[in-house]
Amino acid sequence: MSELLPLTGEPLALDLVNTRPNTPDGPVDLLATPAALGTWLALQADRLPGYPAALTTADVAAVHAVREHTTIAIDHLRRGQRPPASALDGLNQAQRAAPAILELGWDGTSVTAVPHRSGAVGVRLAARLAEATGELLSDPAFATIRTCEASDCVMLFLPAHPRRRWCSASRCGNRARVARYYQRHRTN
């Protein structure tokens, strides 16, 4: 992978898990620092609005904990195994730390109901990500999650089309097509 921008557009829990891609130099953590987490949040702004650009190492640690629990739960379920109680408990604890309430308001013509969480940024973010994981794990579409077919890729995706093979057509798909072309046109 020449580009180290996180992949986005999958269910939020998969986008979170996919922030640890493999590179020629080994696995990389795309959420290793507060700045990197801020970059990811900017890419996810439509699904995770309202998080500040100024983040702390505690915020990163909270997100890392949820990512680890999410990764473990997804891995076990994809293999047809029961997720460890510790992973599910960790996700539940993250949600309990900043429960969501529907905050009622008035927009001038009707009542609005907007989910709201209180607490520190990392705690709220971890709760939202744990909630997204719960939504994914309980979705019947979970059974269709695939791993990218590129030999050096570990990304997961939920295919919108049954013939989808790669995490991204522009990343792994393009590399596979170039490699096939090279093999067909190579002179010995």
Protein backbone atom coordinates (compact mmCIF):
# COMPACT_ATOMS: atom_id res chain seq x y z
CA MET A 1 0.00 0.00 0.00
CA SER A 2 1.61 3.17 -1.09
CA GLU A 3 -1.06 5.37 0.41
CA LEU A 4 -1.52 5.31 4.15
CA LEU A 5 -4.84 7.07 4.35
CA PRO A 6 -7.45 5.02 6.18
CA LEU A 7 -10.08 3.35 4.06
CA THR A 8 -13.55 4.64 4.78
CA GLY A 9 -17.04 3.87 3.60
CA GLU A 10 -17.55 0.48 5.22
CA PRO A 11 -19.68 0.13 8.36
CA LEU A 12 -18.07 2.28 11.05
CA ALA A 13 -16.84 -0.72 13.07
CA LEU A 14 -15.04 -2.11 10.00
CA ASP A 15 -13.54 1.29 9.25
CA LEU A 16 -12.19 1.25 12.81
CA VAL A 17 -10.70 -2.24 12.47
CA ASN A 18 -9.22 -1.29 9.09
CA THR A 19 -7.03 1.37 10.71
CA ARG A 20 -4.31 -1.30 11.13
CA PRO A 21 -3.25 -2.16 7.57
CA ASN A 22 -0.25 -4.20 6.52
CA THR A 23 2.51 -2.44 4.62
CA PRO A 24 5.74 -3.79 3.12
CA ASP A 25 7.36 -2.79 6.43
CA GLY A 26 4.72 -4.61 8.53
CA PRO A 27 1.51 -3.57 10.25
CA VAL A 28 0.88 0.14 10.78
CA ASP A 29 -1.44 1.84 13.26
CA LEU A 30 -3.23 4.70 11.51
CA LEU A 31 -4.62 5.87 14.87
CA ALA A 32 -1.33 5.87 16.77
CA THR A 33 -1.37 9.55 17.76
CA PRO A 34 -3.94 12.20 18.62
CA ALA A 35 -3.22 13.87 15.25
CA ALA A 36 -3.78 10.59 13.38
CA LEU A 37 -7.04 10.03 15.26
CA GLY A 38 -8.05 13.58 14.33
CA THR A 39 -7.37 12.82 10.66
CA TRP A 40 -9.54 9.71 10.84
CA LEU A 41 -12.32 11.64 12.57
CA ALA A 42 -12.18 14.27 9.83
CA LEU A 43 -12.64 11.48 7.25
CA GLN A 44 -15.58 10.17 9.31
CA ALA A 45 -17.14 13.61 9.98
CA ASP A 46 -20.43 12.69 8.33
CA ARG A 47 -20.86 9.72 10.71
CA LEU A 48 -19.01 11.08 13.73
CA PRO A 49 -19.81 14.79 13.82
CA GLY A 50 -18.86 17.15 16.59
CA TYR A 51 -15.54 15.78 17.78
CA PRO A 52 -12.84 18.41 18.27
CA ALA A 53 -9.57 18.51 16.39
CA ALA A 54 -7.62 18.72 19.67
CA LEU A 55 -7.41 15.19 21.01
CA THR A 56 -5.32 13.62 23.75
CA THR A 57 -3.43 10.38 24.25
CA ALA A 58 -6.26 9.32 26.62
CA ASP A 59 -8.71 9.71 23.70
CA VAL A 60 -6.45 7.54 21.54
CA ALA A 61 -6.22 4.91 24.28
CA ALA A 62 -10.02 4.76 24.62
CA VAL A 63 -10.41 4.26 20.86
CA HIS A 64 -7.62 1.64 20.81
CA ALA A 65 -9.40 -0.35 23.54
CA VAL A 66 -12.65 -0.39 21.57
CA ARG A 67 -10.78 -1.27 18.37
CA GLU A 68 -9.11 -4.22 20.09
CA HIS A 69 -12.42 -5.53 21.49
CA THR A 70 -14.05 -5.02 18.09
CA THR A 71 -11.27 -6.85 16.25
CA ILE A 72 -11.44 -9.81 18.62
CA ALA A 73 -15.24 -10.06 18.47
CA ILE A 74 -15.33 -9.84 14.68
CA ASP A 75 -12.52 -12.38 14.29
CA HIS A 76 -14.25 -14.93 16.50
CA LEU A 77 -17.67 -14.47 14.90
CA ARG A 78 -16.24 -14.75 11.38
CA ARG A 79 -14.76 -18.11 12.37
CA GLY A 80 -18.11 -19.24 13.76
CA GLN A 81 -16.94 -18.98 17.35
CA ARG A 82 -18.47 -17.24 20.31
CA PRO A 83 -16.76 -13.90 20.98
CA PRO A 84 -14.86 -13.85 24.28
CA ALA A 85 -16.87 -12.43 27.14
CA SER A 86 -14.03 -9.96 27.77
CA ALA A 87 -14.48 -8.44 24.31
CA LEU A 88 -18.23 -8.07 24.67
CA ASP A 89 -17.85 -6.76 28.24
CA GLY A 90 -15.28 -4.21 27.05
CA LEU A 91 -17.66 -2.96 24.36
CA ASN A 92 -20.54 -2.81 26.86
CA GLN A 93 -18.41 -0.92 29.38
CA ALA A 94 -17.42 1.61 26.73
CA GLN A 95 -21.08 2.24 25.97
CA ARG A 96 -22.05 2.49 29.63
CA ALA A 97 -19.36 5.12 30.22
CA ALA A 98 -21.20 7.59 27.97
CA PRO A 99 -24.78 6.46 27.39
CA ALA A 100 -26.71 8.15 24.60
CA ILE A 101 -29.90 10.03 25.30
CA LEU A 102 -32.23 11.62 22.78
CA GLU A 103 -31.89 15.30 23.51
CA LEU A 104 -35.13 17.04 22.65
CA GLY A 105 -35.19 20.48 21.10
CA TRP A 106 -37.30 22.79 19.02
CA ASP A 107 -36.24 23.88 15.53
CA GLY A 108 -38.94 26.54 15.14
CA THR A 109 -41.52 24.26 13.59
CA SER A 110 -41.21 20.85 15.23
CA VAL A 111 -39.59 18.89 18.02
CA THR A 112 -36.17 17.46 17.23
CA ALA A 113 -34.55 14.45 18.88
CA VAL A 114 -30.77 14.26 18.53
CA PRO A 115 -28.61 11.58 20.20
CA HIS A 116 -26.29 13.17 22.76
CA ARG A 117 -23.57 11.77 24.98
CA SER A 118 -21.83 13.55 27.81
CA GLY A 119 -18.33 13.04 29.16
CA ALA A 120 -14.77 13.38 27.93
CA VAL A 121 -14.16 13.27 24.18
CA GLY A 122 -12.46 9.87 24.17
CA VAL A 123 -15.15 8.33 26.37
CA ARG A 124 -17.93 9.63 24.10
CA LEU A 125 -16.09 8.50 20.98
CA ALA A 126 -15.36 5.06 22.42
CA ALA A 127 -19.04 4.68 23.36
CA ARG A 128 -20.17 5.61 19.85
CA LEU A 129 -17.67 3.20 18.25
CA ALA A 130 -18.70 0.40 20.63
CA GLU A 131 -22.32 1.07 19.71
CA ALA A 132 -21.43 0.85 16.00
CA THR A 133 -19.72 -2.47 16.70
CA GLY A 134 -22.83 -3.78 18.42
CA GLU A 135 -24.91 -2.75 15.43
CA LEU A 136 -22.55 -4.57 13.05
CA LEU A 137 -22.20 -7.73 15.15
CA SER A 138 -25.98 -8.09 15.42
CA ASP A 139 -26.69 -7.31 11.75
CA PRO A 140 -27.55 -10.36 9.60
CA ALA A 141 -25.31 -8.88 6.88
CA PHE A 142 -22.36 -9.62 9.18
CA ALA A 143 -22.16 -13.09 7.63
CA THR A 144 -21.13 -11.55 4.30
CA ILE A 145 -18.05 -9.69 5.60
CA ARG A 146 -14.96 -10.60 3.59
CA THR A 147 -11.23 -10.14 3.81
CA CYS A 148 -9.56 -8.46 0.85
CA GLU A 149 -8.19 -11.04 -1.59
CA ALA A 150 -4.89 -9.21 -2.05
CA SER A 151 -2.23 -11.44 -0.54
CA ASP A 152 -0.68 -8.67 1.54
CA CYS A 153 -3.92 -6.99 2.69
CA VAL A 154 -5.84 -7.59 5.91
CA MET A 155 -8.70 -5.15 5.32
CA LEU A 156 -12.28 -6.25 5.88
CA PHE A 157 -15.27 -5.13 3.86
CA LEU A 158 -18.99 -5.68 3.54
CA PRO A 159 -19.54 -6.25 -0.18
CA ALA A 160 -22.35 -4.34 -1.83
CA HIS A 161 -21.91 -6.61 -4.84
CA PRO A 162 -21.33 -10.39 -4.53
CA ARG A 163 -18.37 -10.28 -6.95
CA ARG A 164 -16.39 -7.70 -4.97
CA ARG A 165 -12.97 -9.12 -4.14
CA TRP A 166 -10.85 -6.25 -2.85
CA CYS A 167 -11.09 -3.73 -0.04
CA SER A 168 -10.72 -0.98 -2.61
CA ALA A 169 -10.72 -1.16 -6.39
CA SER A 170 -8.27 1.73 -6.52
CA ARG A 171 -5.82 0.16 -4.08
CA CYS A 172 -5.68 -3.60 -4.03
CA GLY A 173 -7.84 -4.13 -7.11
CA ASN A 174 -5.59 -1.94 -9.22
CA ARG A 175 -2.44 -3.64 -7.93
CA ALA A 176 -3.92 -7.05 -8.78
CA ARG A 177 -4.86 -5.94 -12.30
CA VAL A 178 -1.39 -4.49 -12.89
CA ALA A 179 0.23 -7.70 -11.63
CA ARG A 180 -1.97 -9.83 -13.94
CA TYR A 181 -1.14 -7.56 -16.88
CA TYR A 182 2.56 -7.81 -16.09
CA GLN A 183 2.37 -11.61 -15.93
CA ARG A 184 0.56 -11.82 -19.29
CA HIS A 185 2.98 -9.47 -21.07
CA ARG A 186 6.23 -10.52 -19.45
CA THR A 187 8.91 -11.83 -21.78
CA ASN A 188 11.12 -14.58 -20.52
